[in-house]
C-alpha atoms as a PDB file:
ATOM      1  CA  MET A   1       2.014  12.207  -2.151  1.00  0.00           C
ATOM      2  CA  ALA A   2       5.525  13.377  -1.584  1.00  0.00           C
ATOM      3  CA  ASN A   3       8.736  11.357  -1.493  1.00  0.00           C
ATOM      4  CA  ARG A   4       7.674   9.632   1.721  1.00  0.00           C
ATOM      5  CA  VAL A   5       5.727   7.150  -0.435  1.00  0.00           C
ATOM      6  CA  GLN A   6       7.840   4.941  -2.667  1.00  0.00           C
ATOM      7  CA  ARG A   7       6.563   4.262  -6.177  1.00  0.00           C
ATOM      8  CA  PRO A   8       8.088   1.201  -7.845  1.00  0.00           C
ATOM      9  CA  HIS A   9       7.584   1.003 -11.605  1.00  0.00           C
ATOM     10  CA  GLU A  10       7.939  -2.751 -11.954  1.00  0.00           C
ATOM     11  CA  GLU A  11       7.859  -5.973  -9.970  1.00  0.00           C
ATOM     12  CA  ALA A  12      11.642  -6.177  -9.520  1.00  0.00           C
ATOM     13  CA  GLU A  13      11.728  -2.725  -7.926  1.00  0.00           C
ATOM     14  CA  PHE A  14       8.808  -3.648  -5.663  1.00  0.00           C
ATOM     15  CA  GLU A  15      10.614  -6.825  -4.562  1.00  0.00           C
ATOM     16  CA  PHE A  16      13.813  -4.848  -3.906  1.00  0.00           C
ATOM     17  CA  ILE A  17      11.960  -2.526  -1.539  1.00  0.00           C
ATOM     18  CA  LEU A  18      10.429  -5.464   0.340  1.00  0.00           C
ATOM     19  CA  ALA A  19      13.760  -7.283   0.616  1.00  0.00           C
ATOM     20  CA  ARG A  20      15.515  -4.263   2.139  1.00  0.00           C
ATOM     21  CA  ALA A  21      12.726  -3.212   4.508  1.00  0.00           C
ATOM     22  CA  ASP A  22      13.579  -3.337   8.197  1.00  0.00           C
ATOM     23  CA  VAL A  23      10.070  -2.225   9.211  1.00  0.00           C
ATOM     24  CA  PRO A  24       6.639  -3.341   7.959  1.00  0.00           C
ATOM     25  CA  VAL A  25       5.643  -2.297   4.431  1.00  0.00           C
ATOM     26  CA  LEU A  26       2.195  -1.015   3.549  1.00  0.00           C
ATOM     27  CA  ALA A  27       1.711  -1.907  -0.105  1.00  0.00           C
ATOM     28  CA  TYR A  28      -1.044   0.240  -1.579  1.00  0.00           C
ATOM     29  CA  PHE A  29      -2.139  -1.134  -4.950  1.00  0.00           C
ATOM     30  CA  TYR A  30      -3.942   1.342  -7.175  1.00  0.00           C
ATOM     31  CA  GLY A  31      -5.585   1.180 -10.579  1.00  0.00           C
ATOM     32  CA  VAL A  32      -6.108   3.695 -13.347  1.00  0.00           C
ATOM     33  CA  TRP A  33      -9.226   2.343 -15.049  1.00  0.00           C
ATOM     34  CA  PRO A  34     -12.311   4.547 -14.601  1.00  0.00           C
ATOM     35  CA  LYS A  35     -14.076   2.606 -11.837  1.00  0.00           C
ATOM     36  CA  ALA A  36     -10.938   2.414  -9.714  1.00  0.00           C
ATOM     37  CA  ALA A  37      -9.462   5.836 -10.449  1.00  0.00           C
ATOM     38  CA  ALA A  38     -11.809   7.909  -8.271  1.00  0.00           C
ATOM     39  CA  ALA A  39     -11.512   5.636  -5.242  1.00  0.00           C
ATOM     40  CA  CYS A  40      -7.737   5.416  -5.657  1.00  0.00           C
ATOM     41  CA  LYS A  41      -7.404   9.177  -5.905  1.00  0.00           C
ATOM     42  CA  GLU A  42      -9.143   9.519  -2.530  1.00  0.00           C
ATOM     43  CA  MET A  43      -6.954   6.798  -1.019  1.00  0.00           C
ATOM     44  CA  ASP A  44      -3.782   8.525  -2.291  1.00  0.00           C
ATOM     45  CA  VAL A  45      -4.317  11.337   0.224  1.00  0.00           C
ATOM     46  CA  LEU A  46      -5.022   8.984   3.127  1.00  0.00           C
ATOM     47  CA  VAL A  47      -2.080   6.723   2.362  1.00  0.00           C
ATOM     48  CA  GLY A  48       0.188   9.773   2.206  1.00  0.00           C
ATOM     49  CA  GLU A  49      -1.081  10.889   5.599  1.00  0.00           C
ATOM     50  CA  ALA A  50      -0.448   7.404   7.003  1.00  0.00           C
ATOM     51  CA  ALA A  51       3.128   7.591   5.696  1.00  0.00           C
ATOM     52  CA  ASP A  52       3.578  10.842   7.647  1.00  0.00           C
ATOM     53  CA  VAL A  53       2.013   9.545  10.851  1.00  0.00           C
ATOM     54  CA  HIS A  54       4.002   6.291  10.844  1.00  0.00           C
ATOM     55  CA  GLN A  55       7.256   7.658   9.431  1.00  0.00           C
ATOM     56  CA  GLY A  56      10.171   5.538  10.605  1.00  0.00           C
ATOM     57  CA  ARG A  57       7.882   2.687  11.692  1.00  0.00           C
ATOM     58  CA  LEU A  58       6.394   1.879   8.290  1.00  0.00           C
ATOM     59  CA  ILE A  59       7.431   1.998   4.644  1.00  0.00           C
ATOM     60  CA  VAL A  60       4.610   2.923   2.295  1.00  0.00           C
ATOM     61  CA  VAL A  61       4.701   1.741  -1.301  1.00  0.00           C
ATOM     62  CA  ARG A  62       2.214   2.890  -3.950  1.00  0.00           C
ATOM     63  CA  ALA A  63       2.190   0.243  -6.682  1.00  0.00           C
ATOM     64  CA  ASP A  64       0.296  -0.029  -9.947  1.00  0.00           C
ATOM     65  CA  ILE A  65      -1.878  -3.139  -9.783  1.00  0.00           C
ATOM     66  CA  ALA A  66      -1.002  -3.916 -13.418  1.00  0.00           C
ATOM     67  CA  ARG A  67       2.781  -3.823 -12.860  1.00  0.00           C
ATOM     68  CA  CYS A  68       3.437  -5.337  -9.447  1.00  0.00           C
ATOM     69  CA  PRO A  69       2.947  -8.806  -7.917  1.00  0.00           C
ATOM     70  CA  VAL A  70      -0.686  -8.761  -6.899  1.00  0.00           C
ATOM     71  CA  ARG A  71      -1.574 -12.437  -7.313  1.00  0.00           C
ATOM     72  CA  ARG A  72       0.801 -13.462  -4.556  1.00  0.00           C
ATOM     73  CA  TYR A  73      -1.178 -11.295  -2.142  1.00  0.00           C
ATOM     74  CA  GLY A  74      -4.671 -12.145  -3.359  1.00  0.00           C
ATOM     75  CA  VAL A  75      -5.298  -8.659  -4.690  1.00  0.00           C
ATOM     76  CA  THR A  76      -8.134  -8.642  -7.220  1.00  0.00           C
ATOM     77  CA  GLY A  77      -9.141  -4.986  -7.344  1.00  0.00           C
ATOM     78  CA  ALA A  78      -8.062  -1.482  -6.582  1.00  0.00           C
ATOM     79  CA  PRO A  79      -7.602   0.173  -4.222  1.00  0.00           C
ATOM     80  CA  SER A  80      -6.153  -2.629  -2.075  1.00  0.00           C
ATOM     81  CA  LEU A  81      -3.807  -2.595   0.902  1.00  0.00           C
ATOM     82  CA  VAL A  82      -1.424  -5.318   1.994  1.00  0.00           C
ATOM     83  CA  LEU A  83       0.627  -4.950   5.162  1.00  0.00           C
ATOM     84  CA  ILE A  84       3.797  -7.043   4.854  1.00  0.00           C
ATOM     85  CA  ASN A  85       6.472  -7.697   7.458  1.00  0.00           C
ATOM     86  CA  ARG A  86       9.599  -9.660   6.547  1.00  0.00           C
ATOM     87  CA  GLY A  87       7.838 -11.314   3.614  1.00  0.00           C
ATOM     88  CA  GLU A  88       4.742 -12.327   5.568  1.00  0.00           C
ATOM     89  CA  VAL A  89       1.328 -10.774   5.061  1.00  0.00           C
ATOM     90  CA  LEU A  90       0.028  -9.322   8.316  1.00  0.00           C
ATOM     91  CA  ALA A  91      -3.254  -7.952   6.975  1.00  0.00           C
ATOM     92  CA  THR A  92      -5.107  -7.086   3.789  1.00  0.00           C
ATOM     93  CA  GLY A  93      -7.869  -4.678   2.918  1.00  0.00           C
ATOM     94  CA  SER A  94      -9.688  -3.902  -0.287  1.00  0.00           C
ATOM     95  CA  GLY A  95     -11.834  -1.081  -1.468  1.00  0.00           C
ATOM     96  CA  PRO A  96     -11.776   2.529  -0.359  1.00  0.00           C
ATOM     97  CA  MET A  97     -11.322   3.198   3.371  1.00  0.00           C
ATOM     98  CA  SER A  98     -12.061   6.209   5.498  1.00  0.00           C
ATOM     99  CA  ARG A  99      -9.274   7.937   7.408  1.00  0.00           C
ATOM    100  CA  THR A 100     -10.558   6.290  10.596  1.00  0.00           C
ATOM    101  CA  ALA A 101     -10.745   2.826   9.052  1.00  0.00           C
ATOM    102  CA  LEU A 102      -7.206   3.094   7.669  1.00  0.00           C
ATOM    103  CA  GLY A 103      -5.928   4.255  11.055  1.00  0.00           C
ATOM    104  CA  GLU A 104      -7.618   1.314  12.773  1.00  0.00           C
ATOM    105  CA  PHE A 105      -6.295  -1.102  10.130  1.00  0.00           C
ATOM    106  CA  LEU A 106      -2.724   0.040  10.791  1.00  0.00           C
ATOM    107  CA  ALA A 107      -3.070   0.344  14.569  1.00  0.00           C
ATOM    108  CA  ALA A 108      -4.299  -3.244  14.821  1.00  0.00           C
ATOM    109  CA  HIS A 109      -1.191  -4.623  13.130  1.00  0.00           C
ATOM    110  CA  LEU A 110       1.717  -2.288  13.911  1.00  0.00           C
END
């Protein structure tokens, strides 16, 4: 993923991004433990593509599940997606998604 996907290193940075967002934010929570790593690696590519397709209409944030505020959003595993607009959760998804499923997830809520 290039610079089009923001990567906060801690909760405060994540919150700063959300507070300044003037478009919806797709928070992509990833994990590095073995069971999550493979699925998250696949999702990295798809999330990057989504950032390209929706550039200017969506901010994409790739956040480590161990460092960012996951409890608030009901995230219990990785990969997980949370679409947030002005502090409100529009939609959530967990587990790996296909390119088509991710496109449908975003199209339904943007």
